[in-house]
Amino acid sequence: MVEKKTLSDLQLEVDTYINQFKEGYFPPMELLARLTEELGELSREVQHKYGTKKKKSTEVEKEIADEMGDFFFVLLCLANAEGIDLQQSLEQVLNKYNTRDKDRWTIKED
């Protein structure tokens, strides 16, 4: 069985990959632009699969999972460039949802 990597492991792997190049990370605004671009590509695939705006026959169909991977890679790059520990950030957000919003939704009954 393949061991799953933690979010911290993935951030370190991306950091190791990027730091092998002299150019390193793009500036924050460029990373944000790339993140927006990747979100647009993800949106296009979701729209094609579930929405009313289908692709033209000349457009290549991509996998939603691949587009999510591209988006996530750039998000990891932005976090690394800004010195943000995404594992810690996500844990804080989950805690917020589990406390602040714990009574906001109807719990499923078994």
PDB file of N, CA and C in Angstrom:
ATOM      1  N   MET A   1       0.838  -1.180   0.000  1.00  0.00           N
ATOM      2  CA  MET A   1       0.000   0.000   0.000  1.00  0.00           C
ATOM      3  C   MET A   1       0.889   1.253   0.000  1.00  0.00           C
ATOM      4  N   VAL A   2       0.553   2.209  -0.824  1.00  0.00           N
ATOM      5  CA  VAL A   2       1.312   3.443  -0.922  1.00  0.00           C
ATOM      6  C   VAL A   2       0.923   4.377   0.222  1.00  0.00           C
ATOM      7  N   GLU A   3       1.950   4.880   0.922  1.00  0.00           N
ATOM      8  CA  GLU A   3       1.688   5.797   2.029  1.00  0.00           C
ATOM      9  C   GLU A   3       1.310   7.168   1.483  1.00  0.00           C
ATOM     10  N   LYS A   4       0.245   7.736   2.031  1.00  0.00           N
ATOM     11  CA  LYS A   4      -0.218   9.062   1.613  1.00  0.00           C
ATOM     12  C   LYS A   4       0.700  10.128   2.206  1.00  0.00           C
ATOM     13  N   LYS A   5       0.973  11.144   1.414  1.00  0.00           N
ATOM     14  CA  LYS A   5       1.791  12.262   1.866  1.00  0.00           C
ATOM     15  C   LYS A   5       0.905  13.271   2.582  1.00  0.00           C
ATOM     16  N   THR A   6       1.472  13.915   3.585  1.00  0.00           N
ATOM     17  CA  THR A   6       0.747  14.981   4.272  1.00  0.00           C
ATOM     18  C   THR A   6       0.820  16.245   3.423  1.00  0.00           C
ATOM     19  N   LEU A   7       0.024  17.214   3.780  1.00  0.00           N
ATOM     20  CA  LEU A   7       0.070  18.500   3.107  1.00  0.00           C
ATOM     21  C   LEU A   7       1.451  19.128   3.278  1.00  0.00           C
ATOM     22  N   SER A   8       2.037  18.983   4.444  1.00  0.00           N
ATOM     23  CA  SER A   8       3.386  19.493   4.689  1.00  0.00           C
ATOM     24  C   SER A   8       4.409  18.791   3.801  1.00  0.00           C
ATOM     25  N   ASP A   9       4.253  17.480   3.628  1.00  0.00           N
ATOM     26  CA  ASP A   9       5.136  16.724   2.731  1.00  0.00           C
ATOM     27  C   ASP A   9       5.040  17.260   1.308  1.00  0.00           C
ATOM     28  N   LEU A  10       3.822  17.531   0.868  1.00  0.00           N
ATOM     29  CA  LEU A  10       3.613  18.037  -0.492  1.00  0.00           C
ATOM     30  C   LEU A  10       4.216  19.422  -0.656  1.00  0.00           C
ATOM     31  N   GLN A  11       4.063  20.275   0.349  1.00  0.00           N
ATOM     32  CA  GLN A  11       4.670  21.602   0.281  1.00  0.00           C
ATOM     33  C   GLN A  11       6.181  21.498   0.171  1.00  0.00           C
ATOM     34  N   LEU A  12       6.770  20.593   0.928  1.00  0.00           N
ATOM     35  CA  LEU A  12       8.219  20.403   0.885  1.00  0.00           C
ATOM     36  C   LEU A  12       8.646  19.861  -0.484  1.00  0.00           C
ATOM     37  N   GLU A  13       7.879  18.944  -1.039  1.00  0.00           N
ATOM     38  CA  GLU A  13       8.205  18.382  -2.351  1.00  0.00           C
ATOM     39  C   GLU A  13       8.159  19.466  -3.434  1.00  0.00           C
ATOM     40  N   VAL A  14       7.142  20.325  -3.389  1.00  0.00           N
ATOM     41  CA  VAL A  14       7.043  21.426  -4.347  1.00  0.00           C
ATOM     42  C   VAL A  14       8.215  22.387  -4.140  1.00  0.00           C
ATOM     43  N   ASP A  15       8.549  22.678  -2.884  1.00  0.00           N
ATOM     44  CA  ASP A  15       9.646  23.584  -2.591  1.00  0.00           C
ATOM     45  C   ASP A  15      10.968  23.030  -3.125  1.00  0.00           C
ATOM     46  N   THR A  16      11.197  21.751  -2.936  1.00  0.00           N
ATOM     47  CA  THR A  16      12.409  21.113  -3.453  1.00  0.00           C
ATOM     48  C   THR A  16      12.456  21.193  -4.970  1.00  0.00           C
ATOM     49  N   TYR A  17      11.326  20.955  -5.610  1.00  0.00           N
ATOM     50  CA  TYR A  17      11.257  21.032  -7.067  1.00  0.00           C
ATOM     51  C   TYR A  17      11.573  22.447  -7.559  1.00  0.00           C
ATOM     52  N   ILE A  18      10.907  23.444  -7.001  1.00  0.00           N
ATOM     53  CA  ILE A  18      11.076  24.826  -7.451  1.00  0.00           C
ATOM     54  C   ILE A  18      12.496  25.329  -7.183  1.00  0.00           C
ATOM     55  N   ASN A  19      13.049  24.969  -6.036  1.00  0.00           N
ATOM     56  CA  ASN A  19      14.363  25.490  -5.654  1.00  0.00           C
ATOM     57  C   ASN A  19      15.533  24.861  -6.397  1.00  0.00           C
ATOM     58  N   GLN A  20      15.254  23.905  -7.257  1.00  0.00           N
ATOM     59  CA  GLN A  20      16.338  23.372  -8.083  1.00  0.00           C
ATOM     60  C   GLN A  20      16.639  24.295  -9.268  1.00  0.00           C
ATOM     61  N   PHE A  21      15.782  25.277  -9.492  1.00  0.00           N
ATOM     62  CA  PHE A  21      15.934  26.208 -10.598  1.00  0.00           C
ATOM     63  C   PHE A  21      16.405  27.570 -10.085  1.00  0.00           C
ATOM     64  N   LYS A  22      17.278  28.219 -10.834  1.00  0.00           N
ATOM     65  CA  LYS A  22      17.791  29.539 -10.459  1.00  0.00           C
ATOM     66  C   LYS A  22      16.662  30.550 -10.297  1.00  0.00           C
ATOM     67  N   GLU A  23      15.636  30.433 -11.140  1.00  0.00           N
ATOM     68  CA  GLU A  23      14.543  31.407 -11.120  1.00  0.00           C
ATOM     69  C   GLU A  23      13.719  31.334  -9.840  1.00  0.00           C
ATOM     70  N   GLY A  24      13.619  30.173  -9.242  1.00  0.00           N
ATOM     71  CA  GLY A  24      12.840  30.012  -8.010  1.00  0.00           C
ATOM     72  C   GLY A  24      11.367  30.330  -8.216  1.00  0.00           C
ATOM     73  N   TYR A  25      10.738  30.812  -7.161  1.00  0.00           N
ATOM     74  CA  TYR A  25       9.309  31.128  -7.217  1.00  0.00           C
ATOM     75  C   TYR A  25       9.074  32.419  -7.991  1.00  0.00           C
ATOM     76  N   PHE A  26       7.931  32.465  -8.684  1.00  0.00           N
ATOM     77  CA  PHE A  26       7.511  33.704  -9.322  1.00  0.00           C
ATOM     78  C   PHE A  26       7.108  34.689  -8.234  1.00  0.00           C
ATOM     79  N   PRO A  27       7.094  35.970  -8.538  1.00  0.00           N
ATOM     80  CA  PRO A  27       6.604  36.965  -7.567  1.00  0.00           C
ATOM     81  C   PRO A  27       5.136  36.699  -7.209  1.00  0.00           C
ATOM     82  N   PRO A  28       4.697  37.133  -6.032  1.00  0.00           N
ATOM     83  CA  PRO A  28       3.334  36.846  -5.569  1.00  0.00           C
ATOM     84  C   PRO A  28       2.226  37.216  -6.557  1.00  0.00           C
ATOM     85  N   MET A  29       2.318  38.378  -7.182  1.00  0.00           N
ATOM     86  CA  MET A  29       1.254  38.775  -8.109  1.00  0.00           C
ATOM     87  C   MET A  29       1.210  37.860  -9.337  1.00  0.00           C
ATOM     88  N   GLU A  30       2.375  37.406  -9.787  1.00  0.00           N
ATOM     89  CA  GLU A  30       2.398  36.479 -10.920  1.00  0.00           C
ATOM     90  C   GLU A  30       1.849  35.118 -10.511  1.00  0.00           C
ATOM     91  N   LEU A  31       2.159  34.687  -9.304  1.00  0.00           N
ATOM     92  CA  LEU A  31       1.590  33.431  -8.814  1.00  0.00           C
ATOM     93  C   LEU A  31       0.076  33.543  -8.685  1.00  0.00           C
ATOM     94  N   LEU A  32      -0.392  34.690  -8.225  1.00  0.00           N
ATOM     95  CA  LEU A  32      -1.832  34.897  -8.117  1.00  0.00           C
ATOM     96  C   LEU A  32      -2.482  34.869  -9.501  1.00  0.00           C
ATOM     97  N   ALA A  33      -1.829  35.475 -10.477  1.00  0.00           N
ATOM     98  CA  ALA A  33      -2.343  35.437 -11.853  1.00  0.00           C
ATOM     99  C   ALA A  33      -2.373  34.002 -12.378  1.00  0.00           C
ATOM    100  N   ARG A  34      -1.336  33.237 -12.078  1.00  0.00           N
ATOM    101  CA  ARG A  34      -1.310  31.833 -12.513  1.00  0.00           C
ATOM    102  C   ARG A  34      -2.390  31.026 -11.802  1.00  0.00           C
ATOM    103  N   LEU A  35      -2.607  31.316 -10.529  1.00  0.00           N
ATOM    104  CA  LEU A  35      -3.649  30.625  -9.773  1.00  0.00           C
ATOM    105  C   LEU A  35      -5.017  30.927 -10.384  1.00  0.00           C
ATOM    106  N   THR A  36      -5.229  32.176 -10.750  1.00  0.00           N
ATOM    107  CA  THR A  36      -6.476  32.574 -11.390  1.00  0.00           C
ATOM    108  C   THR A  36      -6.643  31.870 -12.735  1.00  0.00           C
ATOM    109  N   GLU A  37      -5.560  31.778 -13.483  1.00  0.00           N
ATOM    110  CA  GLU A  37      -5.597  31.074 -14.766  1.00  0.00           C
ATOM    111  C   GLU A  37      -5.976  29.606 -14.576  1.00  0.00           C
ATOM    112  N   GLU A  38      -5.349  28.967 -13.594  1.00  0.00           N
ATOM    113  CA  GLU A  38      -5.650  27.544 -13.335  1.00  0.00           C
ATOM    114  C   GLU A  38      -7.090  27.373 -12.858  1.00  0.00           C
ATOM    115  N   LEU A  39      -7.592  28.310 -12.062  1.00  0.00           N
ATOM    116  CA  LEU A  39      -8.984  28.252 -11.626  1.00  0.00           C
ATOM    117  C   LEU A  39      -9.915  28.375 -12.825  1.00  0.00           C
ATOM    118  N   GLY A  40      -9.566  29.237 -13.776  1.00  0.00           N
ATOM    119  CA  GLY A  40     -10.360  29.373 -14.996  1.00  0.00           C
ATOM    120  C   GLY A  40     -10.397  28.074 -15.786  1.00  0.00           C
ATOM    121  N   GLU A  41      -9.256  27.403 -15.875  1.00  0.00           N
ATOM    122  CA  GLU A  41      -9.209  26.128 -16.595  1.00  0.00           C
ATOM    123  C   GLU A  41     -10.043  25.064 -15.876  1.00  0.00           C
ATOM    124  N   LEU A  42      -9.970  25.052 -14.556  1.00  0.00           N
ATOM    125  CA  LEU A  42     -10.801  24.131 -13.776  1.00  0.00           C
ATOM    126  C   LEU A  42     -12.275  24.445 -13.981  1.00  0.00           C
ATOM    127  N   SER A  43     -12.608  25.727 -13.934  1.00  0.00           N
ATOM    128  CA  SER A  43     -13.996  26.153 -14.138  1.00  0.00           C
ATOM    129  C   SER A  43     -14.511  25.715 -15.504  1.00  0.00           C
ATOM    130  N   ARG A  44     -13.664  25.833 -16.508  1.00  0.00           N
ATOM    131  CA  ARG A  44     -14.059  25.448 -17.864  1.00  0.00           C
ATOM    132  C   ARG A  44     -14.394  23.970 -17.933  1.00  0.00           C
ATOM    133  N   GLU A  45     -13.609  23.135 -17.270  1.00  0.00           N
ATOM    134  CA  GLU A  45     -13.871  21.691 -17.286  1.00  0.00           C
ATOM    135  C   GLU A  45     -15.155  21.342 -16.532  1.00  0.00           C
ATOM    136  N   VAL A  46     -15.381  22.001 -15.386  1.00  0.00           N
ATOM    137  CA  VAL A  46     -16.605  21.756 -14.617  1.00  0.00           C
ATOM    138  C   VAL A  46     -17.817  22.223 -15.416  1.00  0.00           C
ATOM    139  N   GLN A  47     -17.711  23.373 -16.048  1.00  0.00           N
ATOM    140  CA  GLN A  47     -18.802  23.902 -16.878  1.00  0.00           C
ATOM    141  C   GLN A  47     -19.112  22.947 -18.035  1.00  0.00           C
ATOM    142  N   HIS A  48     -18.063  22.415 -18.639  1.00  0.00           N
ATOM    143  CA  HIS A  48     -18.257  21.486 -19.756  1.00  0.00           C
ATOM    144  C   HIS A  48     -18.970  20.207 -19.289  1.00  0.00           C
ATOM    145  N   LYS A  49     -18.540  19.709 -18.136  1.00  0.00           N
ATOM    146  CA  LYS A  49     -19.091  18.435 -17.644  1.00  0.00           C
ATOM    147  C   LYS A  49     -20.491  18.587 -17.048  1.00  0.00           C
ATOM    148  N   TYR A  50     -20.720  19.668 -16.290  1.00  0.00           N
ATOM    149  CA  TYR A  50     -21.968  19.791 -15.542  1.00  0.00           C
ATOM    150  C   TYR A  50     -22.843  20.972 -15.958  1.00  0.00           C
ATOM    151  N   GLY A  51     -22.263  21.923 -16.638  1.00  0.00           N
ATOM    152  CA  GLY A  51     -22.993  23.139 -16.964  1.00  0.00           C
ATOM    153  C   GLY A  51     -23.640  23.099 -18.335  1.00  0.00           C
ATOM    154  N   THR A  52     -24.116  24.243 -18.737  1.00  0.00           N
ATOM    155  CA  THR A  52     -24.804  24.347 -20.024  1.00  0.00           C
ATOM    156  C   THR A  52     -23.862  24.728 -21.151  1.00  0.00           C
ATOM    157  N   LYS A  53     -22.690  25.234 -20.815  1.00  0.00           N
ATOM    158  CA  LYS A  53     -21.753  25.678 -21.852  1.00  0.00           C
ATOM    159  C   LYS A  53     -20.751  24.557 -22.151  1.00  0.00           C
ATOM    160  N   LYS A  54     -21.053  23.791 -23.179  1.00  0.00           N
ATOM    161  CA  LYS A  54     -20.196  22.678 -23.569  1.00  0.00           C
ATOM    162  C   LYS A  54     -19.049  23.174 -24.437  1.00  0.00           C
ATOM    163  N   LYS A  55     -18.002  22.376 -24.506  1.00  0.00           N
ATOM    164  CA  LYS A  55     -16.850  22.731 -25.323  1.00  0.00           C
ATOM    165  C   LYS A  55     -17.162  22.563 -26.801  1.00  0.00           C
ATOM    166  N   LYS A  56     -16.416  23.309 -27.595  1.00  0.00           N
ATOM    167  CA  LYS A  56     -16.494  23.138 -29.043  1.00  0.00           C
ATOM    168  C   LYS A  56     -15.774  21.840 -29.402  1.00  0.00           C
ATOM    169  N   SER A  57     -16.081  21.301 -30.550  1.00  0.00           N
ATOM    170  CA  SER A  57     -15.447  20.055 -30.976  1.00  0.00           C
ATOM    171  C   SER A  57     -13.936  20.220 -31.145  1.00  0.00           C
ATOM    172  N   THR A  58     -13.473  21.444 -31.322  1.00  0.00           N
ATOM    173  CA  THR A  58     -12.040  21.701 -31.496  1.00  0.00           C
ATOM    174  C   THR A  58     -11.300  21.833 -30.168  1.00  0.00           C
ATOM    175  N   GLU A  59     -12.044  21.950 -29.060  1.00  0.00           N
ATOM    176  CA  GLU A  59     -11.417  22.103 -27.749  1.00  0.00           C
ATOM    177  C   GLU A  59     -11.100  20.734 -27.146  1.00  0.00           C
ATOM    178  N   VAL A  60      -9.928  20.639 -26.547  1.00  0.00           N
ATOM    179  CA  VAL A  60      -9.499  19.396 -25.923  1.00  0.00           C
ATOM    180  C   VAL A  60     -10.205  19.239 -24.576  1.00  0.00           C
ATOM    181  N   GLU A  61     -10.736  18.059 -24.341  1.00  0.00           N
ATOM    182  CA  GLU A  61     -11.365  17.787 -23.048  1.00  0.00           C
ATOM    183  C   GLU A  61     -10.284  17.320 -22.078  1.00  0.00           C
ATOM    184  N   LYS A  62     -10.271  17.902 -20.896  1.00  0.00           N
ATOM    185  CA  LYS A  62      -9.297  17.544 -19.873  1.00  0.00           C
ATOM    186  C   LYS A  62     -10.030  16.971 -18.677  1.00  0.00           C
ATOM    187  N   GLU A  63      -9.275  16.361 -17.803  1.00  0.00           N
ATOM    188  CA  GLU A  63      -9.852  15.792 -16.585  1.00  0.00           C
ATOM    189  C   GLU A  63      -9.938  16.862 -15.503  1.00  0.00           C
ATOM    190  N   ILE A  64     -11.039  16.883 -14.800  1.00  0.00           N
ATOM    191  CA  ILE A  64     -11.207  17.814 -13.680  1.00  0.00           C
ATOM    192  C   ILE A  64     -10.104  17.590 -12.654  1.00  0.00           C
ATOM    193  N   ALA A  65      -9.767  16.337 -12.387  1.00  0.00           N
ATOM    194  CA  ALA A  65      -8.719  16.029 -11.409  1.00  0.00           C
ATOM    195  C   ALA A  65      -7.377  16.635 -11.814  1.00  0.00           C
ATOM    196  N   ASP A  66      -7.055  16.592 -13.104  1.00  0.00           N
ATOM    197  CA  ASP A  66      -5.799  17.179 -13.582  1.00  0.00           C
ATOM    198  C   ASP A  66      -5.787  18.686 -13.363  1.00  0.00           C
ATOM    199  N   GLU A  67      -6.919  19.323 -13.637  1.00  0.00           N
ATOM    200  CA  GLU A  67      -7.006  20.767 -13.457  1.00  0.00           C
ATOM    201  C   GLU A  67      -6.933  21.134 -11.979  1.00  0.00           C
ATOM    202  N   MET A  68      -7.526  20.313 -11.115  1.00  0.00           N
ATOM    203  CA  MET A  68      -7.407  20.555  -9.675  1.00  0.00           C
ATOM    204  C   MET A  68      -5.954  20.414  -9.233  1.00  0.00           C
ATOM    205  N   GLY A  69      -5.253  19.433  -9.791  1.00  0.00           N
ATOM    206  CA  GLY A  69      -3.839  19.247  -9.471  1.00  0.00           C
ATOM    207  C   GLY A  69      -3.012  20.453  -9.865  1.00  0.00           C
ATOM    208  N   ASP A  70      -3.269  20.991 -11.066  1.00  0.00           N
ATOM    209  CA  ASP A  70      -2.552  22.194 -11.510  1.00  0.00           C
ATOM    210  C   ASP A  70      -2.817  23.370 -10.581  1.00  0.00           C
ATOM    211  N   PHE A  71      -4.085  23.551 -10.214  1.00  0.00           N
ATOM    212  CA  PHE A  71      -4.473  24.636  -9.310  1.00  0.00           C
ATOM    213  C   PHE A  71      -3.767  24.478  -7.961  1.00  0.00           C
ATOM    214  N   PHE A  72      -3.775  23.259  -7.444  1.00  0.00           N
ATOM    215  CA  PHE A  72      -3.198  22.980  -6.136  1.00  0.00           C
ATOM    216  C   PHE A  72      -1.686  23.196  -6.147  1.00  0.00           C
ATOM    217  N   PHE A  73      -1.024  22.815  -7.236  1.00  0.00           N
ATOM    218  CA  PHE A  73       0.416  23.024  -7.350  1.00  0.00           C
ATOM    219  C   PHE A  73       0.751  24.512  -7.237  1.00  0.00           C
ATOM    220  N   VAL A  74       0.023  25.338  -7.966  1.00  0.00           N
ATOM    221  CA  VAL A  74       0.288  26.783  -7.921  1.00  0.00           C
ATOM    222  C   VAL A  74      -0.059  27.345  -6.543  1.00  0.00           C
ATOM    223  N   LEU A  75      -1.120  26.823  -5.917  1.00  0.00           N
ATOM    224  CA  LEU A  75      -1.462  27.258  -4.558  1.00  0.00           C
ATOM    225  C   LEU A  75      -0.329  26.915  -3.587  1.00  0.00           C
ATOM    226  N   LEU A  76       0.244  25.731  -3.728  1.00  0.00           N
ATOM    227  CA  LEU A  76       1.385  25.347  -2.890  1.00  0.00           C
ATOM    228  C   LEU A  76       2.576  26.262  -3.148  1.00  0.00           C
ATOM    229  N   CYS A  77       2.800  26.618  -4.409  1.00  0.00           N
ATOM    230  CA  CYS A  77       3.885  27.546  -4.738  1.00  0.00           C
ATOM    231  C   CYS A  77       3.668  28.898  -4.057  1.00  0.00           C
ATOM    232  N   LEU A  78       2.453  29.406  -4.110  1.00  0.00           N
ATOM    233  CA  LEU A  78       2.147  30.694  -3.488  1.00  0.00           C
ATOM    234  C   LEU A  78       2.340  30.620  -1.976  1.00  0.00           C
ATOM    235  N   ALA A  79       1.870  29.555  -1.371  1.00  0.00           N
ATOM    236  CA  ALA A  79       2.034  29.381   0.078  1.00  0.00           C
ATOM    237  C   ALA A  79       3.514  29.317   0.438  1.00  0.00           C
ATOM    238  N   ASN A  80       4.282  28.549  -0.303  1.00  0.00           N
ATOM    239  CA  ASN A  80       5.711  28.436  -0.026  1.00  0.00           C
ATOM    240  C   ASN A  80       6.411  29.780  -0.188  1.00  0.00           C
ATOM    241  N   ALA A  81       6.089  30.487  -1.265  1.00  0.00           N
ATOM    242  CA  ALA A  81       6.721  31.777  -1.519  1.00  0.00           C
ATOM    243  C   ALA A  81       6.421  32.773  -0.400  1.00  0.00           C
ATOM    244  N   GLU A  82       5.267  32.620   0.229  1.00  0.00           N
ATOM    245  CA  GLU A  82       4.854  33.526   1.310  1.00  0.00           C
ATOM    246  C   GLU A  82       5.185  32.977   2.700  1.00  0.00           C
ATOM    247  N   GLY A  83       5.796  31.780   2.750  1.00  0.00           N
ATOM    248  CA  GLY A  83       6.158  31.194   4.041  1.00  0.00           C
ATOM    249  C   GLY A  83       4.960  30.741   4.854  1.00  0.00           C
ATOM    250  N   ILE A  84       3.910  30.322   4.175  1.00  0.00           N
ATOM    251  CA  ILE A  84       2.676  29.890   4.840  1.00  0.00           C
ATOM    252  C   ILE A  84       2.645  28.369   4.929  1.00  0.00           C
ATOM    253  N   ASP A  85       2.402  27.860   6.117  1.00  0.00           N
ATOM    254  CA  ASP A  85       2.244  26.425   6.346  1.00  0.00           C
ATOM    255  C   ASP A  85       0.775  26.086   6.090  1.00  0.00           C
ATOM    256  N   LEU A  86       0.502  25.496   4.948  1.00  0.00           N
ATOM    257  CA  LEU A  86      -0.899  25.212   4.584  1.00  0.00           C
ATOM    258  C   LEU A  86      -1.535  24.174   5.503  1.00  0.00           C
ATOM    259  N   GLN A  87      -0.748  23.248   6.007  1.00  0.00           N
ATOM    260  CA  GLN A  87      -1.277  22.257   6.950  1.00  0.00           C
ATOM    261  C   GLN A  87      -1.861  22.988   8.161  1.00  0.00           C
ATOM    262  N   GLN A  88      -1.084  23.899   8.713  1.00  0.00           N
ATOM    263  CA  GLN A  88      -1.532  24.672   9.875  1.00  0.00           C
ATOM    264  C   GLN A  88      -2.725  25.552   9.504  1.00  0.00           C
ATOM    265  N   SER A  89      -2.665  26.197   8.346  1.00  0.00           N
ATOM    266  CA  SER A  89      -3.765  27.068   7.910  1.00  0.00           C
ATOM    267  C   SER A  89      -5.067  26.293   7.778  1.00  0.00           C
ATOM    268  N   LEU A  90      -4.994  25.127   7.155  1.00  0.00           N
ATOM    269  CA  LEU A  90      -6.198  24.314   6.967  1.00  0.00           C
ATOM    270  C   LEU A  90      -6.733  23.803   8.299  1.00  0.00           C
ATOM    271  N   GLU A  91      -5.841  23.408   9.198  1.00  0.00           N
ATOM    272  CA  GLU A  91      -6.282  22.961  10.521  1.00  0.00           C
ATOM    273  C   GLU A  91      -6.999  24.083  11.262  1.00  0.00           C
ATOM    274  N   GLN A  92      -6.503  25.307  11.146  1.00  0.00           N
ATOM    275  CA  GLN A  92      -7.155  26.456  11.780  1.00  0.00           C
ATOM    276  C   GLN A  92      -8.534  26.708  11.180  1.00  0.00           C
ATOM    277  N   VAL A  93      -8.642  26.595   9.870  1.00  0.00           N
ATOM    278  CA  VAL A  93      -9.930  26.805   9.202  1.00  0.00           C
ATOM    279  C   VAL A  93     -10.915  25.705   9.601  1.00  0.00           C
ATOM    280  N   LEU A  94     -10.450  24.461   9.644  1.00  0.00           N
ATOM    281  CA  LEU A  94     -11.336  23.359  10.054  1.00  0.00           C
ATOM    282  C   LEU A  94     -11.819  23.559  11.483  1.00  0.00           C
ATOM    283  N   ASN A  95     -10.929  24.021  12.353  1.00  0.00           N
ATOM    284  CA  ASN A  95     -11.333  24.306  13.730  1.00  0.00           C
ATOM    285  C   ASN A  95     -12.405  25.389  13.755  1.00  0.00           C
ATOM    286  N   LYS A  96     -12.224  26.408  12.930  1.00  0.00           N
ATOM    287  CA  LYS A  96     -13.207  27.496  12.862  1.00  0.00           C
ATOM    288  C   LYS A  96     -14.570  26.945  12.437  1.00  0.00           C
ATOM    289  N   TYR A  97     -14.578  26.120  11.377  1.00  0.00           N
ATOM    290  CA  TYR A  97     -15.850  25.564  10.920  1.00  0.00           C
ATOM    291  C   TYR A  97     -16.469  24.626  11.951  1.00  0.00           C
ATOM    292  N   ASN A  98     -15.631  23.894  12.668  1.00  0.00           N
ATOM    293  CA  ASN A  98     -16.144  22.957  13.667  1.00  0.00           C
ATOM    294  C   ASN A  98     -16.601  23.635  14.952  1.00  0.00           C
ATOM    295  N   THR A  99     -16.258  24.884  15.139  1.00  0.00           N
ATOM    296  CA  THR A  99     -16.710  25.605  16.332  1.00  0.00           C
ATOM    297  C   THR A  99     -17.743  26.662  15.945  1.00  0.00           C
ATOM    298  N   ARG A 100     -17.345  27.622  15.164  1.00  0.00           N
ATOM    299  CA  ARG A 100     -18.235  28.717  14.783  1.00  0.00           C
ATOM    300  C   ARG A 100     -19.472  28.229  14.039  1.00  0.00           C
ATOM    301  N   ASP A 101     -19.292  27.290  13.127  1.00  0.00           N
ATOM    302  CA  ASP A 101     -20.391  26.853  12.267  1.00  0.00           C
ATOM    303  C   ASP A 101     -20.959  25.487  12.647  1.00  0.00           C
ATOM    304  N   LYS A 102     -20.664  25.019  13.867  1.00  0.00           N
ATOM    305  CA  LYS A 102     -21.072  23.660  14.230  1.00  0.00           C
ATOM    306  C   LYS A 102     -22.584  23.456  14.215  1.00  0.00           C
ATOM    307  N   ASP A 103     -23.358  24.500  14.441  1.00  0.00           N
ATOM    308  CA  ASP A 103     -24.823  24.371  14.449  1.00  0.00           C
ATOM    309  C   ASP A 103     -25.467  24.996  13.220  1.00  0.00           C
ATOM    310  N   ARG A 104     -24.672  25.342  12.244  1.00  0.00           N
ATOM    311  CA  ARG A 104     -25.188  26.039  11.068  1.00  0.00           C
ATOM    312  C   ARG A 104     -25.968  25.119  10.129  1.00  0.00           C
ATOM    313  N   TRP A 105     -25.575  23.880  10.035  1.00  0.00           N
ATOM    314  CA  TRP A 105     -26.184  22.936   9.091  1.00  0.00           C
ATOM    315  C   TRP A 105     -26.889  21.810   9.828  1.00  0.00           C
ATOM    316  N   THR A 106     -27.769  21.148   9.148  1.00  0.00           N
ATOM    317  CA  THR A 106     -28.522  20.035   9.736  1.00  0.00           C
ATOM    318  C   THR A 106     -27.677  18.761   9.648  1.00  0.00           C
ATOM    319  N   ILE A 107     -27.402  18.166  10.801  1.00  0.00           N
ATOM    320  CA  ILE A 107     -26.612  16.944  10.865  1.00  0.00           C
ATOM    321  C   ILE A 107     -27.440  15.771  10.344  1.00  0.00           C
ATOM    322  N   LYS A 108     -26.804  14.919   9.548  1.00  0.00           N
ATOM    323  CA  LYS A 108     -27.479  13.716   9.048  1.00  0.00           C
ATOM    324  C   LYS A 108     -27.712  12.757  10.205  1.00  0.00           C
ATOM    325  N   GLU A 109     -28.842  12.100  10.178  1.00  0.00           N
ATOM    326  CA  GLU A 109     -29.125  11.083  11.182  1.00  0.00           C
ATOM    327  C   GLU A 109     -28.772   9.726  10.610  1.00  0.00           C
ATOM    328  N   ASP A 110     -28.263   8.862  11.475  1.00  0.00           N
ATOM    329  CA  ASP A 110     -27.874   7.512  11.021  1.00  0.00           C
ATOM    330  C   ASP A 110     -29.043   6.652  10.670  1.00  0.00           C
TER     331      ASP A 110
END
